[in-house]
Amino acid sequence: MKQSVVVTVILATLVTGTAVLGAESAPSADLAQMEAQLAKLRLVYSDRHPEVVALLEKIQVQRRNEGLDAPRAPREPGDEDLQSARERLQKLRERYAEKHPEVIAQQKRIEELERQKAAGGR
């Protein structure tokens, strides 16, 4: 059980970019579990997906209740969506060949997100 919590915390930290073991105090197991769930959702959905939005709100409330800083804001609009899309592409490449329709579709999604970012909006 302890190992799975550690792996979950590490996964949440790597994928969300949010340090879940802060210098001041450690988060609760509930918060770590929510952040791990967020990491999993972000592999599939953008930050605008209703499930992701709802979970982000719950995490912010929990972090405030625990006296922890809120997760850092994206550096620029679209950064989190783009990062999420790249992570999903990496997962797809682990599973499929480059010419697989899902890999190709995800590459196109990333190209579109990059175009939108370069144009300064969505």
PDB file of N, CA and C in Angstrom:
ATOM      1  N   MET A   1       0.827  -1.190   0.000  1.00  0.00           N
ATOM      2  CA  MET A   1       0.000   0.000   0.000  1.00  0.00           C
ATOM      3  C   MET A   1       0.870   1.251   0.000  1.00  0.00           C
ATOM      4  N   LYS A   2       1.901   1.265   0.855  1.00  0.00           N
ATOM      5  CA  LYS A   2       2.771   2.425   0.949  1.00  0.00           C
ATOM      6  C   LYS A   2       3.461   2.694  -0.385  1.00  0.00           C
ATOM      7  N   GLN A   3       3.913   1.641  -1.059  1.00  0.00           N
ATOM      8  CA  GLN A   3       4.582   1.788  -2.353  1.00  0.00           C
ATOM      9  C   GLN A   3       3.638   2.391  -3.379  1.00  0.00           C
ATOM     10  N   SER A   4       2.391   1.971  -3.380  1.00  0.00           N
ATOM     11  CA  SER A   4       1.445   2.492  -4.368  1.00  0.00           C
ATOM     12  C   SER A   4       1.163   3.962  -4.125  1.00  0.00           C
ATOM     13  N   VAL A   5       1.127   4.403  -2.872  1.00  0.00           N
ATOM     14  CA  VAL A   5       0.936   5.820  -2.566  1.00  0.00           C
ATOM     15  C   VAL A   5       2.132   6.622  -3.065  1.00  0.00           C
ATOM     16  N   VAL A   6       3.329   6.129  -2.862  1.00  0.00           N
ATOM     17  CA  VAL A   6       4.534   6.815  -3.319  1.00  0.00           C
ATOM     18  C   VAL A   6       4.542   6.921  -4.838  1.00  0.00           C
ATOM     19  N   VAL A   7       4.207   5.839  -5.510  1.00  0.00           N
ATOM     20  CA  VAL A   7       4.159   5.853  -6.978  1.00  0.00           C
ATOM     21  C   VAL A   7       3.095   6.835  -7.451  1.00  0.00           C
ATOM     22  N   THR A   8       1.943   6.847  -6.805  1.00  0.00           N
ATOM     23  CA  THR A   8       0.871   7.770  -7.155  1.00  0.00           C
ATOM     24  C   THR A   8       1.311   9.216  -6.991  1.00  0.00           C
ATOM     25  N   VAL A   9       1.985   9.516  -5.895  1.00  0.00           N
ATOM     26  CA  VAL A   9       2.464  10.870  -5.640  1.00  0.00           C
ATOM     27  C   VAL A   9       3.496  11.273  -6.688  1.00  0.00           C
ATOM     28  N   ILE A  10       4.402  10.382  -7.017  1.00  0.00           N
ATOM     29  CA  ILE A  10       5.417  10.679  -8.031  1.00  0.00           C
ATOM     30  C   ILE A  10       4.758  10.904  -9.379  1.00  0.00           C
ATOM     31  N   LEU A  11       3.801  10.063  -9.756  1.00  0.00           N
ATOM     32  CA  LEU A  11       3.087  10.221 -11.018  1.00  0.00           C
ATOM     33  C   LEU A  11       2.370  11.574 -11.064  1.00  0.00           C
ATOM     34  N   ALA A  12       1.695  11.917  -9.996  1.00  0.00           N
ATOM     35  CA  ALA A  12       0.984  13.200  -9.960  1.00  0.00           C
ATOM     36  C   ALA A  12       1.950  14.365 -10.103  1.00  0.00           C
ATOM     37  N   THR A  13       3.098  14.278  -9.467  1.00  0.00           N
ATOM     38  CA  THR A  13       4.100  15.337  -9.545  1.00  0.00           C
ATOM     39  C   THR A  13       4.647  15.465 -10.954  1.00  0.00           C
ATOM     40  N   LEU A  14       4.972  14.355 -11.575  1.00  0.00           N
ATOM     41  CA  LEU A  14       5.549  14.394 -12.917  1.00  0.00           C
ATOM     42  C   LEU A  14       4.573  14.882 -13.959  1.00  0.00           C
ATOM     43  N   VAL A  15       3.352  14.395 -13.915  1.00  0.00           N
ATOM     44  CA  VAL A  15       2.398  14.721 -14.969  1.00  0.00           C
ATOM     45  C   VAL A  15       1.768  16.088 -14.773  1.00  0.00           C
ATOM     46  N   THR A  16       1.425  16.469 -13.544  1.00  0.00           N
ATOM     47  CA  THR A  16       0.761  17.760 -13.328  1.00  0.00           C
ATOM     48  C   THR A  16       1.741  18.890 -13.190  1.00  0.00           C
ATOM     49  N   GLY A  17       2.997  18.582 -12.896  1.00  0.00           N
ATOM     50  CA  GLY A  17       3.969  19.644 -12.691  1.00  0.00           C
ATOM     51  C   GLY A  17       3.790  20.310 -11.344  1.00  0.00           C
ATOM     52  N   THR A  18       2.986  19.746 -10.497  1.00  0.00           N
ATOM     53  CA  THR A  18       2.720  20.309  -9.185  1.00  0.00           C
ATOM     54  C   THR A  18       3.435  19.467  -8.141  1.00  0.00           C
ATOM     55  N   ALA A  19       4.267  20.110  -7.347  1.00  0.00           N
ATOM     56  CA  ALA A  19       4.942  19.377  -6.282  1.00  0.00           C
ATOM     57  C   ALA A  19       3.908  19.022  -5.237  1.00  0.00           C
ATOM     58  N   VAL A  20       3.678  17.745  -5.027  1.00  0.00           N
ATOM     59  CA  VAL A  20       2.676  17.340  -4.057  1.00  0.00           C
ATOM     60  C   VAL A  20       3.273  17.127  -2.668  1.00  0.00           C
ATOM     61  N   LEU A  21       4.577  17.137  -2.574  1.00  0.00           N
ATOM     62  CA  LEU A  21       5.206  17.070  -1.274  1.00  0.00           C
ATOM     63  C   LEU A  21       5.912  18.395  -1.032  1.00  0.00           C
ATOM     64  N   GLY A  22       5.167  19.369  -0.528  1.00  0.00           N
ATOM     65  CA  GLY A  22       5.705  20.711  -0.332  1.00  0.00           C
ATOM     66  C   GLY A  22       6.720  20.764   0.779  1.00  0.00           C
ATOM     67  N   ALA A  23       7.481  21.851   0.808  1.00  0.00           N
ATOM     68  CA  ALA A  23       8.516  22.026   1.812  1.00  0.00           C
ATOM     69  C   ALA A  23       7.906  22.254   3.189  1.00  0.00           C
ATOM     70  N   GLU A  24       6.737  22.909   3.232  1.00  0.00           N
ATOM     71  CA  GLU A  24       6.143  23.242   4.519  1.00  0.00           C
ATOM     72  C   GLU A  24       5.413  22.063   5.153  1.00  0.00           C
ATOM     73  N   SER A  25       4.628  21.356   4.355  1.00  0.00           N
ATOM     74  CA  SER A  25       3.918  20.197   4.886  1.00  0.00           C
ATOM     75  C   SER A  25       3.495  19.291   3.744  1.00  0.00           C
ATOM     76  N   ALA A  26       3.279  18.042   4.078  1.00  0.00           N
ATOM     77  CA  ALA A  26       2.875  17.069   3.063  1.00  0.00           C
ATOM     78  C   ALA A  26       1.356  17.094   2.927  1.00  0.00           C
ATOM     79  N   PRO A  27       0.838  16.875   1.734  1.00  0.00           N
ATOM     80  CA  PRO A  27      -0.607  16.852   1.557  1.00  0.00           C
ATOM     81  C   PRO A  27      -1.199  15.560   2.104  1.00  0.00           C
ATOM     82  N   SER A  28      -2.492  15.575   2.266  1.00  0.00           N
ATOM     83  CA  SER A  28      -3.188  14.379   2.723  1.00  0.00           C
ATOM     84  C   SER A  28      -3.187  13.326   1.623  1.00  0.00           C
ATOM     85  N   ALA A  29      -3.528  12.128   2.019  1.00  0.00           N
ATOM     86  CA  ALA A  29      -3.634  11.043   1.042  1.00  0.00           C
ATOM     87  C   ALA A  29      -4.748  11.340   0.041  1.00  0.00           C
ATOM     88  N   ASP A  30      -5.826  12.004   0.515  1.00  0.00           N
ATOM     89  CA  ASP A  30      -6.924  12.366  -0.389  1.00  0.00           C
ATOM     90  C   ASP A  30      -6.443  13.304  -1.489  1.00  0.00           C
ATOM     91  N   LEU A  31      -5.638  14.296  -1.112  1.00  0.00           N
ATOM     92  CA  LEU A  31      -5.127  15.248  -2.088  1.00  0.00           C
ATOM     93  C   LEU A  31      -4.195  14.550  -3.084  1.00  0.00           C
ATOM     94  N   ALA A  32      -3.337  13.707  -2.593  1.00  0.00           N
ATOM     95  CA  ALA A  32      -2.431  12.968  -3.479  1.00  0.00           C
ATOM     96  C   ALA A  32      -3.227  12.093  -4.440  1.00  0.00           C
ATOM     97  N   GLN A  33      -4.291  11.479  -3.944  1.00  0.00           N
ATOM     98  CA  GLN A  33      -5.127  10.628  -4.790  1.00  0.00           C
ATOM     99  C   GLN A  33      -5.839  11.470  -5.852  1.00  0.00           C
ATOM    100  N   MET A  34      -6.334  12.643  -5.475  1.00  0.00           N
ATOM    101  CA  MET A  34      -7.001  13.510  -6.445  1.00  0.00           C
ATOM    102  C   MET A  34      -6.016  13.991  -7.512  1.00  0.00           C
ATOM    103  N   GLU A  35      -4.799  14.319  -7.107  1.00  0.00           N
ATOM    104  CA  GLU A  35      -3.806  14.781  -8.074  1.00  0.00           C
ATOM    105  C   GLU A  35      -3.368  13.647  -9.005  1.00  0.00           C
ATOM    106  N   ALA A  36      -3.322  12.446  -8.511  1.00  0.00           N
ATOM    107  CA  ALA A  36      -3.007  11.303  -9.372  1.00  0.00           C
ATOM    108  C   ALA A  36      -4.139  11.073 -10.372  1.00  0.00           C
ATOM    109  N   GLN A  37      -5.385  11.198  -9.900  1.00  0.00           N
ATOM    110  CA  GLN A  37      -6.531  11.061 -10.799  1.00  0.00           C
ATOM    111  C   GLN A  37      -6.503  12.160 -11.864  1.00  0.00           C
ATOM    112  N   LEU A  38      -6.127  13.371 -11.468  1.00  0.00           N
ATOM    113  CA  LEU A  38      -6.002  14.480 -12.420  1.00  0.00           C
ATOM    114  C   LEU A  38      -4.952  14.155 -13.480  1.00  0.00           C
ATOM    115  N   ALA A  39      -3.850  13.589 -13.050  1.00  0.00           N
ATOM    116  CA  ALA A  39      -2.789  13.221 -13.997  1.00  0.00           C
ATOM    117  C   ALA A  39      -3.311  12.228 -15.021  1.00  0.00           C
ATOM    118  N   LYS A  40      -4.097  11.260 -14.569  1.00  0.00           N
ATOM    119  CA  LYS A  40      -4.664  10.266 -15.487  1.00  0.00           C
ATOM    120  C   LYS A  40      -5.653  10.913 -16.455  1.00  0.00           C
ATOM    121  N   LEU A  41      -6.496  11.794 -15.937  1.00  0.00           N
ATOM    122  CA  LEU A  41      -7.483  12.454 -16.797  1.00  0.00           C
ATOM    123  C   LEU A  41      -6.792  13.320 -17.851  1.00  0.00           C
ATOM    124  N   ARG A  42      -5.704  13.975 -17.468  1.00  0.00           N
ATOM    125  CA  ARG A  42      -4.997  14.857 -18.404  1.00  0.00           C
ATOM    126  C   ARG A  42      -4.311  14.087 -19.525  1.00  0.00           C
ATOM    127  N   LEU A  43      -4.122  12.805 -19.349  1.00  0.00           N
ATOM    128  CA  LEU A  43      -3.575  12.000 -20.443  1.00  0.00           C
ATOM    129  C   LEU A  43      -4.608  11.800 -21.548  1.00  0.00           C
ATOM    130  N   VAL A  44      -5.872  11.972 -21.191  1.00  0.00           N
ATOM    131  CA  VAL A  44      -6.951  11.728 -22.137  1.00  0.00           C
ATOM    132  C   VAL A  44      -7.668  13.025 -22.535  1.00  0.00           C
ATOM    133  N   TYR A  45      -7.872  13.920 -21.568  1.00  0.00           N
ATOM    134  CA  TYR A  45      -8.686  15.109 -21.784  1.00  0.00           C
ATOM    135  C   TYR A  45      -7.871  16.395 -21.640  1.00  0.00           C
ATOM    136  N   SER A  46      -8.394  17.473 -22.215  1.00  0.00           N
ATOM    137  CA  SER A  46      -7.780  18.790 -22.040  1.00  0.00           C
ATOM    138  C   SER A  46      -8.236  19.365 -20.696  1.00  0.00           C
ATOM    139  N   ASP A  47      -7.634  20.478 -20.312  1.00  0.00           N
ATOM    140  CA  ASP A  47      -8.001  21.125 -19.049  1.00  0.00           C
ATOM    141  C   ASP A  47      -9.397  21.743 -19.104  1.00  0.00           C
ATOM    142  N   ARG A  48     -10.005  21.782 -20.277  1.00  0.00           N
ATOM    143  CA  ARG A  48     -11.352  22.332 -20.411  1.00  0.00           C
ATOM    144  C   ARG A  48     -12.432  21.262 -20.283  1.00  0.00           C
ATOM    145  N   HIS A  49     -12.045  20.000 -20.229  1.00  0.00           N
ATOM    146  CA  HIS A  49     -13.027  18.925 -20.110  1.00  0.00           C
ATOM    147  C   HIS A  49     -13.725  19.035 -18.753  1.00  0.00           C
ATOM    148  N   PRO A  50     -15.041  18.829 -18.701  1.00  0.00           N
ATOM    149  CA  PRO A  50     -15.790  18.996 -17.447  1.00  0.00           C
ATOM    150  C   PRO A  50     -15.243  18.181 -16.269  1.00  0.00           C
ATOM    151  N   GLU A  51     -14.813  16.958 -16.518  1.00  0.00           N
ATOM    152  CA  GLU A  51     -14.269  16.140 -15.422  1.00  0.00           C
ATOM    153  C   GLU A  51     -12.981  16.752 -14.876  1.00  0.00           C
ATOM    154  N   VAL A  52     -12.141  17.256 -15.776  1.00  0.00           N
ATOM    155  CA  VAL A  52     -10.872  17.869 -15.356  1.00  0.00           C
ATOM    156  C   VAL A  52     -11.153  19.164 -14.595  1.00  0.00           C
ATOM    157  N   VAL A  53     -12.062  19.989 -15.121  1.00  0.00           N
ATOM    158  CA  VAL A  53     -12.410  21.256 -14.467  1.00  0.00           C
ATOM    159  C   VAL A  53     -12.930  20.999 -13.057  1.00  0.00           C
ATOM    160  N   ALA A  54     -13.837  20.039 -12.926  1.00  0.00           N
ATOM    161  CA  ALA A  54     -14.413  19.730 -11.605  1.00  0.00           C
ATOM    162  C   ALA A  54     -13.346  19.241 -10.634  1.00  0.00           C
ATOM    163  N   LEU A  55     -12.460  18.382 -11.114  1.00  0.00           N
ATOM    164  CA  LEU A  55     -11.416  17.850 -10.238  1.00  0.00           C
ATOM    165  C   LEU A  55     -10.419  18.939  -9.851  1.00  0.00           C
ATOM    166  N   LEU A  56     -10.076  19.823 -10.783  1.00  0.00           N
ATOM    167  CA  LEU A  56      -9.171  20.944 -10.464  1.00  0.00           C
ATOM    168  C   LEU A  56      -9.767  21.816  -9.360  1.00  0.00           C
ATOM    169  N   GLU A  57     -11.086  22.066  -9.442  1.00  0.00           N
ATOM    170  CA  GLU A  57     -11.750  22.862  -8.411  1.00  0.00           C
ATOM    171  C   GLU A  57     -11.693  22.163  -7.056  1.00  0.00           C
ATOM    172  N   LYS A  58     -11.931  20.851  -7.034  1.00  0.00           N
ATOM    173  CA  LYS A  58     -11.863  20.091  -5.777  1.00  0.00           C
ATOM    174  C   LYS A  58     -10.449  20.142  -5.191  1.00  0.00           C
ATOM    175  N   ILE A  59      -9.450  20.018  -6.069  1.00  0.00           N
ATOM    176  CA  ILE A  59      -8.059  20.053  -5.610  1.00  0.00           C
ATOM    177  C   ILE A  59      -7.732  21.414  -5.016  1.00  0.00           C
ATOM    178  N   GLN A  60      -8.171  22.487  -5.676  1.00  0.00           N
ATOM    179  CA  GLN A  60      -7.902  23.826  -5.150  1.00  0.00           C
ATOM    180  C   GLN A  60      -8.531  24.015  -3.777  1.00  0.00           C
ATOM    181  N   VAL A  61      -9.767  23.558  -3.613  1.00  0.00           N
ATOM    182  CA  VAL A  61     -10.441  23.660  -2.317  1.00  0.00           C
ATOM    183  C   VAL A  61      -9.677  22.852  -1.271  1.00  0.00           C
ATOM    184  N   GLN A  62      -9.295  21.627  -1.611  1.00  0.00           N
ATOM    185  CA  GLN A  62      -8.567  20.772  -0.673  1.00  0.00           C
ATOM    186  C   GLN A  62      -7.228  21.386  -0.281  1.00  0.00           C
ATOM    187  N   ARG A  63      -6.505  21.945  -1.265  1.00  0.00           N
ATOM    188  CA  ARG A  63      -5.203  22.568  -0.979  1.00  0.00           C
ATOM    189  C   ARG A  63      -5.380  23.763  -0.051  1.00  0.00           C
ATOM    190  N   ARG A  64      -6.428  24.563  -0.294  1.00  0.00           N
ATOM    191  CA  ARG A  64      -6.694  25.707   0.598  1.00  0.00           C
ATOM    192  C   ARG A  64      -7.022  25.211   1.999  1.00  0.00           C
ATOM    193  N   ASN A  65      -7.856  24.171   2.083  1.00  0.00           N
ATOM    194  CA  ASN A  65      -8.234  23.616   3.385  1.00  0.00           C
ATOM    195  C   ASN A  65      -7.021  23.081   4.145  1.00  0.00           C
ATOM    196  N   GLU A  66      -6.044  22.579   3.417  1.00  0.00           N
ATOM    197  CA  GLU A  66      -4.844  22.029   4.050  1.00  0.00           C
ATOM    198  C   GLU A  66      -3.758  23.085   4.234  1.00  0.00           C
ATOM    199  N   GLY A  67      -4.038  24.309   3.778  1.00  0.00           N
ATOM    200  CA  GLY A  67      -3.068  25.380   3.948  1.00  0.00           C
ATOM    201  C   GLY A  67      -1.899  25.303   2.977  1.00  0.00           C
ATOM    202  N   LEU A  68      -2.089  24.635   1.865  1.00  0.00           N
ATOM    203  CA  LEU A  68      -1.041  24.523   0.852  1.00  0.00           C
ATOM    204  C   LEU A  68      -1.305  25.532  -0.247  1.00  0.00           C
ATOM    205  N   ASP A  69      -0.263  25.917  -0.959  1.00  0.00           N
ATOM    206  CA  ASP A  69      -0.425  26.831  -2.085  1.00  0.00           C
ATOM    207  C   ASP A  69      -1.251  26.163  -3.165  1.00  0.00           C
ATOM    208  N   ALA A  70      -1.947  26.967  -3.930  1.00  0.00           N
ATOM    209  CA  ALA A  70      -2.701  26.447  -5.077  1.00  0.00           C
ATOM    210  C   ALA A  70      -1.727  25.984  -6.149  1.00  0.00           C
ATOM    211  N   PRO A  71      -2.141  25.048  -7.002  1.00  0.00           N
ATOM    212  CA  PRO A  71      -1.260  24.618  -8.093  1.00  0.00           C
ATOM    213  C   PRO A  71      -0.870  25.810  -8.957  1.00  0.00           C
ATOM    214  N   ARG A  72       0.334  25.754  -9.510  1.00  0.00           N
ATOM    215  CA  ARG A  72       0.808  26.877 -10.319  1.00  0.00           C
ATOM    216  C   ARG A  72      -0.042  27.024 -11.569  1.00  0.00           C
ATOM    217  N   ALA A  73      -0.194  28.253 -11.990  1.00  0.00           N
ATOM    218  CA  ALA A  73      -0.977  28.540 -13.197  1.00  0.00           C
ATOM    219  C   ALA A  73      -0.158  28.185 -14.426  1.00  0.00           C
ATOM    220  N   PRO A  74      -0.824  27.873 -15.515  1.00  0.00           N
ATOM    221  CA  PRO A  74      -0.085  27.623 -16.750  1.00  0.00           C
ATOM    222  C   PRO A  74       0.750  28.846 -17.120  1.00  0.00           C
ATOM    223  N   ARG A  75       1.903  28.593 -17.737  1.00  0.00           N
ATOM    224  CA  ARG A  75       2.782  29.694 -18.121  1.00  0.00           C
ATOM    225  C   ARG A  75       2.127  30.597 -19.149  1.00  0.00           C
ATOM    226  N   GLU A  76       1.478  30.020 -20.111  1.00  0.00           N
ATOM    227  CA  GLU A  76       0.789  30.749 -21.168  1.00  0.00           C
ATOM    228  C   GLU A  76      -0.490  29.993 -21.483  1.00  0.00           C
ATOM    229  N   PRO A  77      -1.487  30.698 -22.031  1.00  0.00           N
ATOM    230  CA  PRO A  77      -2.707  29.983 -22.414  1.00  0.00           C
ATOM    231  C   PRO A  77      -2.387  28.843 -23.379  1.00  0.00           C
ATOM    232  N   GLY A  78      -2.965  27.703 -23.130  1.00  0.00           N
ATOM    233  CA  GLY A  78      -2.761  26.564 -24.020  1.00  0.00           C
ATOM    234  C   GLY A  78      -1.602  25.663 -23.648  1.00  0.00           C
ATOM    235  N   ASP A  79      -0.706  26.104 -22.761  1.00  0.00           N
ATOM    236  CA  ASP A  79       0.452  25.288 -22.401  1.00  0.00           C
ATOM    237  C   ASP A  79       0.041  23.943 -21.813  1.00  0.00           C
ATOM    238  N   GLU A  80      -0.951  23.954 -20.940  1.00  0.00           N
ATOM    239  CA  GLU A  80      -1.360  22.706 -20.292  1.00  0.00           C
ATOM    240  C   GLU A  80      -2.019  21.767 -21.303  1.00  0.00           C
ATOM    241  N   ASP A  81      -2.844  22.315 -22.202  1.00  0.00           N
ATOM    242  CA  ASP A  81      -3.459  21.479 -23.233  1.00  0.00           C
ATOM    243  C   ASP A  81      -2.396  20.860 -24.121  1.00  0.00           C
ATOM    244  N   LEU A  82      -1.414  21.661 -24.505  1.00  0.00           N
ATOM    245  CA  LEU A  82      -0.350  21.187 -25.378  1.00  0.00           C
ATOM    246  C   LEU A  82       0.480  20.114 -24.676  1.00  0.00           C
ATOM    247  N   GLN A  83       0.801  20.359 -23.428  1.00  0.00           N
ATOM    248  CA  GLN A  83       1.567  19.366 -22.664  1.00  0.00           C
ATOM    249  C   GLN A  83       0.778  18.069 -22.556  1.00  0.00           C
ATOM    250  N   SER A  84      -0.491  18.181 -22.266  1.00  0.00           N
ATOM    251  CA  SER A  84      -1.356  17.012 -22.149  1.00  0.00           C
ATOM    252  C   SER A  84      -1.407  16.236 -23.465  1.00  0.00           C
ATOM    253  N   ALA A  85      -1.513  16.974 -24.563  1.00  0.00           N
ATOM    254  CA  ALA A  85      -1.573  16.335 -25.878  1.00  0.00           C
ATOM    255  C   ALA A  85      -0.266  15.611 -26.194  1.00  0.00           C
ATOM    256  N   ARG A  86       0.854  16.213 -25.833  1.00  0.00           N
ATOM    257  CA  ARG A  86       2.146  15.567 -26.077  1.00  0.00           C
ATOM    258  C   ARG A  86       2.308  14.303 -25.234  1.00  0.00           C
ATOM    259  N   GLU A  87       1.829  14.360 -24.001  1.00  0.00           N
ATOM    260  CA  GLU A  87       1.908  13.175 -23.137  1.00  0.00           C
ATOM    261  C   GLU A  87       1.041  12.048 -23.691  1.00  0.00           C
ATOM    262  N   ARG A  88      -0.133  12.415 -24.192  1.00  0.00           N
ATOM    263  CA  ARG A  88      -1.007  11.400 -24.791  1.00  0.00           C
ATOM    264  C   ARG A  88      -0.349  10.792 -26.022  1.00  0.00           C
ATOM    265  N   LEU A  89       0.296  11.626 -26.845  1.00  0.00           N
ATOM    266  CA  LEU A  89       0.994  11.120 -28.030  1.00  0.00           C
ATOM    267  C   LEU A  89       2.086  10.137 -27.620  1.00  0.00           C
ATOM    268  N   GLN A  90       2.810  10.467 -26.573  1.00  0.00           N
ATOM    269  CA  GLN A  90       3.867   9.568 -26.103  1.00  0.00           C
ATOM    270  C   GLN A  90       3.279   8.211 -25.708  1.00  0.00           C
ATOM    271  N   LYS A  91       2.157   8.232 -25.009  1.00  0.00           N
ATOM    272  CA  LYS A  91       1.505   6.977 -24.607  1.00  0.00           C
ATOM    273  C   LYS A  91       1.040   6.187 -25.835  1.00  0.00           C
ATOM    274  N   LEU A  92       0.489   6.899 -26.804  1.00  0.00           N
ATOM    275  CA  LEU A  92       0.024   6.221 -28.017  1.00  0.00           C
ATOM    276  C   LEU A  92       1.195   5.594 -28.766  1.00  0.00           C
ATOM    277  N   ARG A  93       2.327   6.288 -28.810  1.00  0.00           N
ATOM    278  CA  ARG A  93       3.502   5.761 -29.510  1.00  0.00           C
ATOM    279  C   ARG A  93       4.056   4.514 -28.820  1.00  0.00           C
ATOM    280  N   GLU A  94       3.858   4.423 -27.512  1.00  0.00           N
ATOM    281  CA  GLU A  94       4.296   3.230 -26.794  1.00  0.00           C
ATOM    282  C   GLU A  94       3.438   2.023 -27.194  1.00  0.00           C
ATOM    283  N   ARG A  95       2.229   2.312 -27.636  1.00  0.00           N
ATOM    284  CA  ARG A  95       1.274   1.263 -27.941  1.00  0.00           C
ATOM    285  C   ARG A  95       1.166   0.926 -29.425  1.00  0.00           C
ATOM    286  N   TYR A  96       1.290   1.969 -30.258  1.00  0.00           N
ATOM    287  CA  TYR A  96       1.044   1.806 -31.687  1.00  0.00           C
ATOM    288  C   TYR A  96       2.228   2.281 -32.526  1.00  0.00           C
ATOM    289  N   ALA A  97       2.220   1.888 -33.809  1.00  0.00           N
ATOM    290  CA  ALA A  97       3.219   2.358 -34.769  1.00  0.00           C
ATOM    291  C   ALA A  97       2.893   3.803 -35.167  1.00  0.00           C
ATOM    292  N   GLU A  98       3.879   4.485 -35.743  1.00  0.00           N
ATOM    293  CA  GLU A  98       3.730   5.890 -36.141  1.00  0.00           C
ATOM    294  C   GLU A  98       2.575   6.107 -37.110  1.00  0.00           C
ATOM    295  N   LYS A  99       2.273   5.111 -37.940  1.00  0.00           N
ATOM    296  CA  LYS A  99       1.231   5.285 -38.960  1.00  0.00           C
ATOM    297  C   LYS A  99      -0.159   4.881 -38.471  1.00  0.00           C
ATOM    298  N   HIS A 100      -0.277   4.539 -37.203  1.00  0.00           N
ATOM    299  CA  HIS A 100      -1.581   4.181 -36.654  1.00  0.00           C
ATOM    300  C   HIS A 100      -2.486   5.419 -36.674  1.00  0.00           C
ATOM    301  N   PRO A 101      -3.763   5.251 -37.017  1.00  0.00           N
ATOM    302  CA  PRO A 101      -4.675   6.404 -37.106  1.00  0.00           C
ATOM    303  C   PRO A 101      -4.751   7.256 -35.835  1.00  0.00           C
ATOM    304  N   GLU A 102      -4.703   6.631 -34.677  1.00  0.00           N
ATOM    305  CA  GLU A 102      -4.763   7.409 -33.433  1.00  0.00           C
ATOM    306  C   GLU A 102      -3.512   8.259 -33.241  1.00  0.00           C
ATOM    307  N   VAL A 103      -2.347   7.724 -33.596  1.00  0.00           N
ATOM    308  CA  VAL A 103      -1.088   8.472 -33.493  1.00  0.00           C
ATOM    309  C   VAL A 103      -1.132   9.653 -34.453  1.00  0.00           C
ATOM    310  N   ILE A 104      -1.561   9.409 -35.675  1.00  0.00           N
ATOM    311  CA  ILE A 104      -1.640  10.470 -36.680  1.00  0.00           C
ATOM    312  C   ILE A 104      -2.617  11.562 -36.228  1.00  0.00           C
ATOM    313  N   ALA A 105      -3.768  11.164 -35.720  1.00  0.00           N
ATOM    314  CA  ALA A 105      -4.760  12.135 -35.256  1.00  0.00           C
ATOM    315  C   ALA A 105      -4.213  12.973 -34.101  1.00  0.00           C
ATOM    316  N   GLN A 106      -3.488  12.337 -33.200  1.00  0.00           N
ATOM    317  CA  GLN A 106      -2.932  13.071 -32.059  1.00  0.00           C
ATOM    318  C   GLN A 106      -1.841  14.038 -32.519  1.00  0.00           C
ATOM    319  N   GLN A 107      -1.045  13.638 -33.506  1.00  0.00           N
ATOM    320  CA  GLN A 107      -0.024  14.537 -34.049  1.00  0.00           C
ATOM    321  C   GLN A 107      -0.683  15.767 -34.663  1.00  0.00           C
ATOM    322  N   LYS A 108      -1.788  15.564 -35.357  1.00  0.00           N
ATOM    323  CA  LYS A 108      -2.516  16.691 -35.956  1.00  0.00           C
ATOM    324  C   LYS A 108      -3.086  17.604 -34.878  1.00  0.00           C
ATOM    325  N   ARG A 109      -3.577  17.001 -33.796  1.00  0.00           N
ATOM    326  CA  ARG A 109      -4.106  17.808 -32.681  1.00  0.00           C
ATOM    327  C   ARG A 109      -3.003  18.684 -32.103  1.00  0.00           C
ATOM    328  N   ILE A 110      -1.817  18.126 -31.917  1.00  0.00           N
ATOM    329  CA  ILE A 110      -0.690  18.876 -31.376  1.00  0.00           C
ATOM    330  C   ILE A 110      -0.311  20.013 -32.327  1.00  0.00           C
ATOM    331  N   GLU A 111      -0.269  19.714 -33.624  1.00  0.00           N
ATOM    332  CA  GLU A 111       0.043  20.760 -34.610  1.00  0.00           C
ATOM    333  C   GLU A 111      -0.970  21.893 -34.525  1.00  0.00           C
ATOM    334  N   GLU A 112      -2.243  21.552 -34.378  1.00  0.00           N
ATOM    335  CA  GLU A 112      -3.285  22.579 -34.274  1.00  0.00           C
ATOM    336  C   GLU A 112      -3.111  23.400 -32.996  1.00  0.00           C
ATOM    337  N   LEU A 113      -2.840  22.749 -31.877  1.00  0.00           N
ATOM    338  CA  LEU A 113      -2.609  23.472 -30.623  1.00  0.00           C
ATOM    339  C   LEU A 113      -1.403  24.402 -30.742  1.00  0.00           C
ATOM    340  N   GLU A 114      -0.348  23.934 -31.423  1.00  0.00           N
ATOM    341  CA  GLU A 114       0.843  24.769 -31.615  1.00  0.00           C
ATOM    342  C   GLU A 114       0.522  25.977 -32.490  1.00  0.00           C
ATOM    343  N   ARG A 115      -0.309  25.759 -33.523  1.00  0.00           N
ATOM    344  CA  ARG A 115      -0.722  26.888 -34.386  1.00  0.00           C
ATOM    345  C   ARG A 115      -1.516  27.895 -33.585  1.00  0.00           C
ATOM    346  N   GLN A 116      -2.450  27.392 -32.759  1.00  0.00           N
ATOM    347  CA  GLN A 116      -3.263  28.282 -31.938  1.00  0.00           C
ATOM    348  C   GLN A 116      -2.405  29.067 -30.961  1.00  0.00           C
ATOM    349  N   LYS A 117      -1.431  28.384 -30.365  1.00  0.00           N
ATOM    350  CA  LYS A 117      -0.548  29.058 -29.421  1.00  0.00           C
ATOM    351  C   LYS A 117       0.266  30.137 -30.125  1.00  0.00           C
ATOM    352  N   ALA A 118       0.771  29.819 -31.305  1.00  0.00           N
ATOM    353  CA  ALA A 118       1.573  30.774 -32.072  1.00  0.00           C
ATOM    354  C   ALA A 118       0.724  31.983 -32.492  1.00  0.00           C
ATOM    355  N   ALA A 119      -0.552  31.734 -32.748  1.00  0.00           N
ATOM    356  CA  ALA A 119      -1.456  32.809 -33.148  1.00  0.00           C
ATOM    357  C   ALA A 119      -1.923  33.624 -31.936  1.00  0.00           C
ATOM    358  N   GLY A 120      -1.597  33.133 -30.751  1.00  0.00           N
ATOM    359  CA  GLY A 120      -1.926  33.873 -29.530  1.00  0.00           C
ATOM    360  C   GLY A 120      -3.321  33.629 -28.988  1.00  0.00           C
ATOM    361  N   GLY A 121      -3.921  32.535 -29.303  1.00  0.00           N
ATOM    362  CA  GLY A 121      -5.247  32.248 -28.759  1.00  0.00           C
ATOM    363  C   GLY A 121      -5.685  30.850 -29.061  1.00  0.00           C
ATOM    364  N   ARG A 122      -6.960  30.612 -28.827  1.00  0.00           N
ATOM    365  CA  ARG A 122      -7.531  29.291 -29.046  1.00  0.00           C
ATOM    366  C   ARG A 122      -8.320  29.335 -30.287  1.00  0.00           C
TER     367      ARG A 122
END
